[in-house]
Amino acid sequence: MGENEYEFLKYKIEILHKMVDMDANPLYDYILDYDISREQHTFFINVLTAFSVRSTEKTHDSDKYMDAHKDSMISKYSHLDIPDLESLFLDNKPSFKEFETLISKVLPKEVNPLSLLKRTKQQKIYVELCEYLIADSEKQDV
């Protein structure tokens, strides 16, 4: 077993320990079902974090946070070859389409971005942002 496989299995075990109640942890259930790695999960959460900051009113502190977060993410994920990564740090409100584009470059092909957002919301993570992005996805379907 290689180091990556070992780390992947170790991460799955960590999550299983947190999953006392599958209904209370639908995101973790989804992560297990779709073999989402720690790096992919962390990337997803970092995208939500950046989107959350972009969704709120700008302040000096939020600008400082975004600058630090931007440098960290670009450095951390440079090996993933995501040309749109800089777009995470624009000033405009995020959209579902932007979310879908970023996530689909990192997560397994089988992952449905809308289902991922719904599971994240059910697990009470970035609830308002998830609601906003889910609603935005419905506008695009019209």
N, C-alpha and C. Protein backbone atom coordinates (compact mmCIF):
# COMPACT_ATOMS: atom_id res chain seq x y z
N MET A 1 0.85 -1.17 0.00
CA MET A 1 0.00 0.00 0.00
C MET A 1 0.90 1.23 0.00
N GLY A 2 0.61 2.16 -0.92
CA GLY A 2 1.39 3.40 -1.01
C GLY A 2 0.99 4.40 0.06
N GLU A 3 1.79 5.42 0.21
CA GLU A 3 1.54 6.46 1.21
C GLU A 3 0.20 7.17 0.98
N ASN A 4 -0.13 7.46 -0.29
CA ASN A 4 -1.40 8.14 -0.59
C ASN A 4 -2.59 7.27 -0.20
N GLU A 5 -2.51 5.98 -0.50
CA GLU A 5 -3.60 5.07 -0.14
C GLU A 5 -3.76 4.99 1.37
N TYR A 6 -2.65 4.94 2.06
CA TYR A 6 -2.67 4.88 3.52
C TYR A 6 -3.32 6.13 4.10
N GLU A 7 -2.92 7.31 3.61
CA GLU A 7 -3.49 8.57 4.10
C GLU A 7 -4.99 8.64 3.79
N PHE A 8 -5.37 8.14 2.61
CA PHE A 8 -6.78 8.14 2.22
C PHE A 8 -7.60 7.28 3.17
N LEU A 9 -7.12 6.08 3.47
CA LEU A 9 -7.82 5.19 4.39
C LEU A 9 -7.87 5.77 5.80
N LYS A 10 -6.78 6.36 6.22
CA LYS A 10 -6.73 6.99 7.54
C LYS A 10 -7.78 8.10 7.64
N TYR A 11 -7.90 8.88 6.58
CA TYR A 11 -8.88 9.97 6.56
C TYR A 11 -10.31 9.42 6.62
N LYS A 12 -10.57 8.35 5.88
CA LYS A 12 -11.90 7.74 5.92
C LYS A 12 -12.25 7.27 7.33
N ILE A 13 -11.29 6.69 8.01
CA ILE A 13 -11.51 6.23 9.38
C ILE A 13 -11.81 7.40 10.30
N GLU A 14 -11.08 8.50 10.14
CA GLU A 14 -11.33 9.71 10.93
C GLU A 14 -12.78 10.16 10.78
N ILE A 15 -13.23 10.20 9.55
CA ILE A 15 -14.60 10.65 9.29
C ILE A 15 -15.61 9.66 9.87
N LEU A 16 -15.37 8.37 9.71
CA LEU A 16 -16.28 7.37 10.26
C LEU A 16 -16.45 7.54 11.77
N HIS A 17 -15.39 7.89 12.44
CA HIS A 17 -15.47 8.11 13.89
C HIS A 17 -16.39 9.28 14.22
N LYS A 18 -16.46 10.23 13.34
CA LYS A 18 -17.31 11.41 13.56
C LYS A 18 -18.77 11.11 13.22
N MET A 19 -19.00 10.02 12.52
CA MET A 19 -20.34 9.72 12.00
C MET A 19 -21.12 8.81 12.92
N VAL A 20 -21.49 9.29 14.04
CA VAL A 20 -22.31 8.49 14.94
C VAL A 20 -23.69 8.32 14.34
N ASP A 21 -24.21 9.37 13.78
CA ASP A 21 -25.54 9.37 13.19
C ASP A 21 -25.43 9.81 11.73
N MET A 22 -25.62 8.88 10.81
CA MET A 22 -25.48 9.19 9.38
C MET A 22 -26.43 10.30 8.95
N ASP A 23 -27.63 10.35 9.52
CA ASP A 23 -28.58 11.39 9.14
C ASP A 23 -28.11 12.77 9.58
N ALA A 24 -27.35 12.83 10.64
CA ALA A 24 -26.83 14.11 11.13
C ALA A 24 -25.56 14.52 10.39
N ASN A 25 -24.99 13.63 9.61
CA ASN A 25 -23.73 13.89 8.91
C ASN A 25 -23.82 13.53 7.42
N PRO A 26 -24.77 14.10 6.71
CA PRO A 26 -24.95 13.71 5.31
C PRO A 26 -23.76 14.07 4.41
N LEU A 27 -23.03 15.13 4.75
CA LEU A 27 -21.86 15.48 3.94
C LEU A 27 -20.78 14.41 4.09
N TYR A 28 -20.52 13.97 5.31
CA TYR A 28 -19.52 12.93 5.52
C TYR A 28 -19.92 11.63 4.82
N ASP A 29 -21.21 11.34 4.84
CA ASP A 29 -21.72 10.16 4.14
C ASP A 29 -21.41 10.28 2.64
N TYR A 30 -21.64 11.46 2.09
CA TYR A 30 -21.38 11.72 0.67
C TYR A 30 -19.89 11.59 0.36
N ILE A 31 -19.06 12.12 1.25
CA ILE A 31 -17.61 12.03 1.08
C ILE A 31 -17.16 10.57 1.01
N LEU A 32 -17.72 9.76 1.87
CA LEU A 32 -17.39 8.33 1.86
C LEU A 32 -17.91 7.63 0.61
N ASP A 33 -19.14 7.94 0.23
CA ASP A 33 -19.74 7.30 -0.94
C ASP A 33 -18.99 7.60 -2.24
N TYR A 34 -18.45 8.81 -2.34
CA TYR A 34 -17.80 9.22 -3.59
C TYR A 34 -16.28 9.27 -3.51
N ASP A 35 -15.72 8.65 -2.47
CA ASP A 35 -14.26 8.57 -2.32
C ASP A 35 -13.58 9.92 -2.49
N ILE A 36 -14.11 10.91 -1.81
CA ILE A 36 -13.52 12.25 -1.83
C ILE A 36 -12.37 12.25 -0.84
N SER A 37 -11.21 12.64 -1.31
CA SER A 37 -10.01 12.63 -0.48
C SER A 37 -9.99 13.84 0.47
N ARG A 38 -9.07 13.80 1.41
CA ARG A 38 -8.90 14.91 2.34
C ARG A 38 -8.59 16.20 1.57
N GLU A 39 -7.69 16.12 0.61
CA GLU A 39 -7.33 17.32 -0.16
C GLU A 39 -8.54 17.87 -0.92
N GLN A 40 -9.33 16.98 -1.51
CA GLN A 40 -10.51 17.42 -2.24
C GLN A 40 -11.54 18.04 -1.29
N HIS A 41 -11.73 17.42 -0.15
CA HIS A 41 -12.67 17.94 0.85
C HIS A 41 -12.20 19.31 1.35
N THR A 42 -10.92 19.43 1.64
CA THR A 42 -10.37 20.70 2.11
C THR A 42 -10.51 21.78 1.04
N PHE A 43 -10.27 21.42 -0.21
CA PHE A 43 -10.44 22.37 -1.31
C PHE A 43 -11.89 22.86 -1.36
N PHE A 44 -12.82 21.93 -1.28
CA PHE A 44 -14.25 22.26 -1.30
C PHE A 44 -14.59 23.24 -0.17
N ILE A 45 -14.14 22.96 1.04
CA ILE A 45 -14.42 23.83 2.18
C ILE A 45 -13.75 25.19 1.99
N ASN A 46 -12.54 25.21 1.44
CA ASN A 46 -11.87 26.48 1.17
C ASN A 46 -12.61 27.31 0.14
N VAL A 47 -13.18 26.66 -0.86
CA VAL A 47 -14.00 27.37 -1.85
C VAL A 47 -15.21 27.99 -1.15
N LEU A 48 -15.88 27.21 -0.30
CA LEU A 48 -17.03 27.74 0.43
C LEU A 48 -16.63 28.90 1.33
N THR A 49 -15.47 28.81 1.96
CA THR A 49 -14.99 29.88 2.83
C THR A 49 -14.79 31.16 2.02
N ALA A 50 -14.12 31.05 0.89
CA ALA A 50 -13.91 32.23 0.04
C ALA A 50 -15.24 32.79 -0.45
N PHE A 51 -16.15 31.93 -0.86
CA PHE A 51 -17.47 32.37 -1.31
C PHE A 51 -18.23 33.05 -0.18
N SER A 52 -18.11 32.53 1.01
CA SER A 52 -18.80 33.10 2.16
C SER A 52 -18.32 34.53 2.42
N VAL A 53 -17.02 34.73 2.36
CA VAL A 53 -16.47 36.07 2.56
C VAL A 53 -16.95 37.00 1.45
N ARG A 54 -16.97 36.50 0.22
CA ARG A 54 -17.43 37.31 -0.91
C ARG A 54 -18.91 37.64 -0.82
N SER A 55 -19.68 36.82 -0.13
CA SER A 55 -21.13 37.02 -0.03
C SER A 55 -21.52 38.05 1.02
N THR A 56 -20.58 38.41 1.87
CA THR A 56 -20.88 39.35 2.94
C THR A 56 -20.33 40.73 2.59
N GLU A 57 -20.76 41.70 3.34
CA GLU A 57 -20.31 43.07 3.12
C GLU A 57 -18.81 43.16 3.36
N LYS A 58 -18.13 43.86 2.46
CA LYS A 58 -16.68 43.99 2.57
C LYS A 58 -16.29 44.87 3.75
N THR A 59 -15.26 44.41 4.45
CA THR A 59 -14.67 45.20 5.53
C THR A 59 -13.15 45.12 5.38
N HIS A 60 -12.46 45.91 6.15
CA HIS A 60 -10.99 45.86 6.12
C HIS A 60 -10.52 44.47 6.54
N ASP A 61 -11.16 43.91 7.56
CA ASP A 61 -10.78 42.57 8.03
C ASP A 61 -11.04 41.50 6.98
N SER A 62 -12.17 41.62 6.28
CA SER A 62 -12.47 40.60 5.26
C SER A 62 -11.48 40.71 4.10
N ASP A 63 -11.07 41.94 3.77
CA ASP A 63 -10.06 42.11 2.72
C ASP A 63 -8.73 41.48 3.12
N LYS A 64 -8.34 41.70 4.37
CA LYS A 64 -7.09 41.12 4.87
C LYS A 64 -7.17 39.59 4.86
N TYR A 65 -8.31 39.07 5.29
CA TYR A 65 -8.50 37.62 5.31
C TYR A 65 -8.41 37.05 3.89
N MET A 66 -9.09 37.70 2.95
CA MET A 66 -9.09 37.21 1.57
C MET A 66 -7.69 37.24 0.97
N ASP A 67 -6.93 38.29 1.26
CA ASP A 67 -5.56 38.36 0.74
C ASP A 67 -4.73 37.19 1.27
N ALA A 68 -4.82 36.94 2.56
CA ALA A 68 -4.06 35.84 3.17
C ALA A 68 -4.56 34.49 2.64
N HIS A 69 -5.87 34.34 2.55
CA HIS A 69 -6.47 33.09 2.07
C HIS A 69 -6.08 32.84 0.61
N LYS A 70 -6.07 33.90 -0.18
CA LYS A 70 -5.72 33.78 -1.60
C LYS A 70 -4.30 33.24 -1.76
N ASP A 71 -3.35 33.86 -1.09
CA ASP A 71 -1.96 33.41 -1.19
C ASP A 71 -1.81 31.95 -0.74
N SER A 72 -2.48 31.62 0.35
CA SER A 72 -2.41 30.27 0.89
C SER A 72 -2.99 29.25 -0.10
N MET A 73 -4.16 29.55 -0.64
CA MET A 73 -4.82 28.61 -1.56
C MET A 73 -4.05 28.45 -2.87
N ILE A 74 -3.57 29.56 -3.42
CA ILE A 74 -2.85 29.47 -4.68
C ILE A 74 -1.59 28.64 -4.49
N SER A 75 -0.93 28.84 -3.38
CA SER A 75 0.27 28.06 -3.08
C SER A 75 -0.07 26.59 -2.85
N LYS A 76 -1.09 26.35 -2.05
CA LYS A 76 -1.47 24.99 -1.67
C LYS A 76 -1.99 24.16 -2.84
N TYR A 77 -2.71 24.81 -3.76
CA TYR A 77 -3.36 24.06 -4.84
C TYR A 77 -2.76 24.32 -6.22
N SER A 78 -1.57 24.89 -6.27
CA SER A 78 -0.95 25.19 -7.57
C SER A 78 -0.73 23.92 -8.39
N HIS A 79 -0.49 22.80 -7.74
CA HIS A 79 -0.25 21.53 -8.45
C HIS A 79 -1.51 20.97 -9.12
N LEU A 80 -2.68 21.51 -8.77
CA LEU A 80 -3.93 20.99 -9.34
C LEU A 80 -4.23 21.58 -10.71
N ASP A 81 -3.48 22.59 -11.11
CA ASP A 81 -3.64 23.21 -12.42
C ASP A 81 -5.09 23.67 -12.66
N ILE A 82 -5.53 24.56 -11.79
CA ILE A 82 -6.88 25.12 -11.90
C ILE A 82 -6.75 26.56 -12.38
N PRO A 83 -6.97 26.81 -13.67
CA PRO A 83 -6.76 28.15 -14.20
C PRO A 83 -7.70 29.20 -13.60
N ASP A 84 -8.87 28.81 -13.13
CA ASP A 84 -9.87 29.75 -12.62
C ASP A 84 -9.69 30.05 -11.13
N LEU A 85 -8.66 29.55 -10.51
CA LEU A 85 -8.50 29.70 -9.06
C LEU A 85 -8.49 31.16 -8.63
N GLU A 86 -7.90 32.02 -9.42
CA GLU A 86 -7.87 33.46 -9.11
C GLU A 86 -9.29 34.03 -9.02
N SER A 87 -10.22 33.46 -9.77
CA SER A 87 -11.59 33.98 -9.76
C SER A 87 -12.26 33.84 -8.40
N LEU A 88 -11.74 32.95 -7.57
CA LEU A 88 -12.27 32.79 -6.22
C LEU A 88 -12.20 34.07 -5.41
N PHE A 89 -11.29 34.94 -5.78
CA PHE A 89 -11.01 36.11 -4.96
C PHE A 89 -11.47 37.41 -5.60
N LEU A 90 -12.42 37.32 -6.51
CA LEU A 90 -13.01 38.51 -7.10
C LEU A 90 -13.94 39.17 -6.09
N ASP A 91 -14.37 40.38 -6.39
CA ASP A 91 -15.25 41.10 -5.46
C ASP A 91 -16.73 40.81 -5.67
N ASN A 92 -17.09 40.24 -6.80
CA ASN A 92 -18.51 40.00 -7.07
C ASN A 92 -19.06 38.82 -6.27
N LYS A 93 -20.39 38.79 -6.19
CA LYS A 93 -21.03 37.67 -5.49
C LYS A 93 -20.76 36.38 -6.26
N PRO A 94 -20.54 35.29 -5.54
CA PRO A 94 -20.30 34.02 -6.22
C PRO A 94 -21.58 33.50 -6.87
N SER A 95 -21.42 32.61 -7.82
CA SER A 95 -22.57 32.00 -8.49
C SER A 95 -22.44 30.48 -8.43
N PHE A 96 -23.57 29.82 -8.64
CA PHE A 96 -23.53 28.36 -8.69
C PHE A 96 -22.65 27.89 -9.84
N LYS A 97 -22.74 28.56 -10.98
CA LYS A 97 -21.94 28.18 -12.15
C LYS A 97 -20.44 28.24 -11.82
N GLU A 98 -20.02 29.29 -11.13
CA GLU A 98 -18.62 29.42 -10.72
C GLU A 98 -18.24 28.29 -9.77
N PHE A 99 -19.13 28.00 -8.81
CA PHE A 99 -18.90 26.91 -7.87
C PHE A 99 -18.74 25.58 -8.61
N GLU A 100 -19.67 25.31 -9.50
CA GLU A 100 -19.67 24.07 -10.26
C GLU A 100 -18.39 23.93 -11.09
N THR A 101 -17.96 25.01 -11.72
CA THR A 101 -16.75 24.99 -12.54
C THR A 101 -15.51 24.67 -11.70
N LEU A 102 -15.38 25.34 -10.57
CA LEU A 102 -14.21 25.11 -9.70
C LEU A 102 -14.20 23.70 -9.12
N ILE A 103 -15.34 23.28 -8.59
CA ILE A 103 -15.43 21.99 -7.92
C ILE A 103 -15.22 20.83 -8.89
N SER A 104 -15.77 20.96 -10.09
CA SER A 104 -15.68 19.85 -11.05
C SER A 104 -14.25 19.59 -11.51
N LYS A 105 -13.36 20.55 -11.32
CA LYS A 105 -11.96 20.36 -11.71
C LYS A 105 -11.18 19.59 -10.67
N VAL A 106 -11.74 19.46 -9.47
CA VAL A 106 -10.99 18.83 -8.37
C VAL A 106 -11.66 17.55 -7.86
N LEU A 107 -12.97 17.56 -7.76
CA LEU A 107 -13.68 16.41 -7.19
C LEU A 107 -13.90 15.32 -8.24
N PRO A 108 -14.16 14.09 -7.79
CA PRO A 108 -14.44 13.00 -8.74
C PRO A 108 -15.59 13.36 -9.69
N LYS A 109 -15.53 12.85 -10.91
CA LYS A 109 -16.53 13.16 -11.94
C LYS A 109 -17.95 12.85 -11.50
N GLU A 110 -18.10 11.82 -10.68
CA GLU A 110 -19.43 11.36 -10.27
C GLU A 110 -20.11 12.32 -9.28
N VAL A 111 -19.35 13.22 -8.69
CA VAL A 111 -19.91 14.13 -7.68
C VAL A 111 -20.80 15.16 -8.36
N ASN A 112 -22.02 15.26 -7.86
CA ASN A 112 -22.97 16.25 -8.35
C ASN A 112 -22.85 17.49 -7.46
N PRO A 113 -22.41 18.63 -8.01
CA PRO A 113 -22.20 19.82 -7.19
C PRO A 113 -23.44 20.27 -6.42
N LEU A 114 -24.61 20.13 -7.03
CA LEU A 114 -25.85 20.53 -6.34
C LEU A 114 -26.13 19.60 -5.16
N SER A 115 -25.96 18.31 -5.36
CA SER A 115 -26.15 17.36 -4.25
C SER A 115 -25.15 17.62 -3.13
N LEU A 116 -23.94 17.94 -3.51
CA LEU A 116 -22.90 18.25 -2.52
C LEU A 116 -23.30 19.46 -1.68
N LEU A 117 -23.83 20.49 -2.31
CA LEU A 117 -24.29 21.67 -1.58
C LEU A 117 -25.46 21.33 -0.65
N LYS A 118 -26.38 20.53 -1.14
CA LYS A 118 -27.54 20.16 -0.32
C LYS A 118 -27.11 19.37 0.91
N ARG A 119 -26.18 18.45 0.73
CA ARG A 119 -25.67 17.67 1.87
C ARG A 119 -24.93 18.57 2.85
N THR A 120 -24.18 19.52 2.33
CA THR A 120 -23.43 20.45 3.18
C THR A 120 -24.41 21.28 4.01
N LYS A 121 -25.45 21.75 3.38
CA LYS A 121 -26.48 22.54 4.08
C LYS A 121 -27.17 21.69 5.15
N GLN A 122 -27.50 20.44 4.82
CA GLN A 122 -28.15 19.55 5.79
C GLN A 122 -27.27 19.32 7.00
N GLN A 123 -25.96 19.37 6.80
CA GLN A 123 -25.04 19.16 7.91
C GLN A 123 -24.75 20.48 8.64
N LYS A 124 -25.45 21.52 8.23
CA LYS A 124 -25.38 22.84 8.89
C LYS A 124 -24.00 23.49 8.74
N ILE A 125 -23.42 23.36 7.56
CA ILE A 125 -22.16 24.00 7.23
C ILE A 125 -22.46 25.06 6.16
N TYR A 126 -22.09 26.30 6.45
CA TYR A 126 -22.33 27.41 5.51
C TYR A 126 -23.76 27.38 4.97
N VAL A 127 -24.71 27.29 5.87
CA VAL A 127 -26.12 27.11 5.49
C VAL A 127 -26.62 28.21 4.56
N GLU A 128 -26.41 29.48 4.95
CA GLU A 128 -26.91 30.58 4.12
C GLU A 128 -26.26 30.59 2.74
N LEU A 129 -24.98 30.35 2.69
CA LEU A 129 -24.28 30.31 1.41
C LEU A 129 -24.81 29.16 0.55
N CYS A 130 -24.99 28.00 1.15
CA CYS A 130 -25.52 26.85 0.40
C CYS A 130 -26.92 27.16 -0.13
N GLU A 131 -27.75 27.78 0.69
CA GLU A 131 -29.10 28.15 0.24
C GLU A 131 -29.02 29.10 -0.95
N TYR A 132 -28.13 30.07 -0.86
CA TYR A 132 -27.95 31.05 -1.94
C TYR A 132 -27.51 30.35 -3.23
N LEU A 133 -26.51 29.49 -3.14
CA LEU A 133 -25.99 28.80 -4.33
C LEU A 133 -27.02 27.82 -4.91
N ILE A 134 -27.76 27.15 -4.04
CA ILE A 134 -28.81 26.24 -4.50
C ILE A 134 -29.88 27.04 -5.25
N ALA A 135 -30.30 28.17 -4.69
CA ALA A 135 -31.29 29.03 -5.36
C ALA A 135 -30.74 29.54 -6.69
N ASP A 136 -29.47 29.89 -6.71
CA ASP A 136 -28.85 30.38 -7.95
C ASP A 136 -28.83 29.28 -9.01
N SER A 137 -28.64 28.04 -8.59
CA SER A 137 -28.65 26.92 -9.56
C SER A 137 -30.02 26.77 -10.19
N GLU A 138 -31.06 27.02 -9.40
CA GLU A 138 -32.43 26.90 -9.91
C GLU A 138 -32.74 28.01 -10.91
N LYS A 139 -32.16 29.19 -10.72
CA LYS A 139 -32.34 30.29 -11.68
C LYS A 139 -31.72 29.94 -13.02
N GLN A 140 -30.62 29.21 -12.98
CA GLN A 140 -29.93 28.85 -14.22
C GLN A 140 -30.68 27.78 -14.99
N ASP A 141 -31.51 27.01 -14.29
CA ASP A 141 -32.28 25.96 -14.96
C ASP A 141 -33.47 26.52 -15.72
N VAL A 142 -33.86 27.74 -15.39
CA VAL A 142 -35.05 28.35 -16.01
C VAL A 142 -34.79 28.77 -17.42
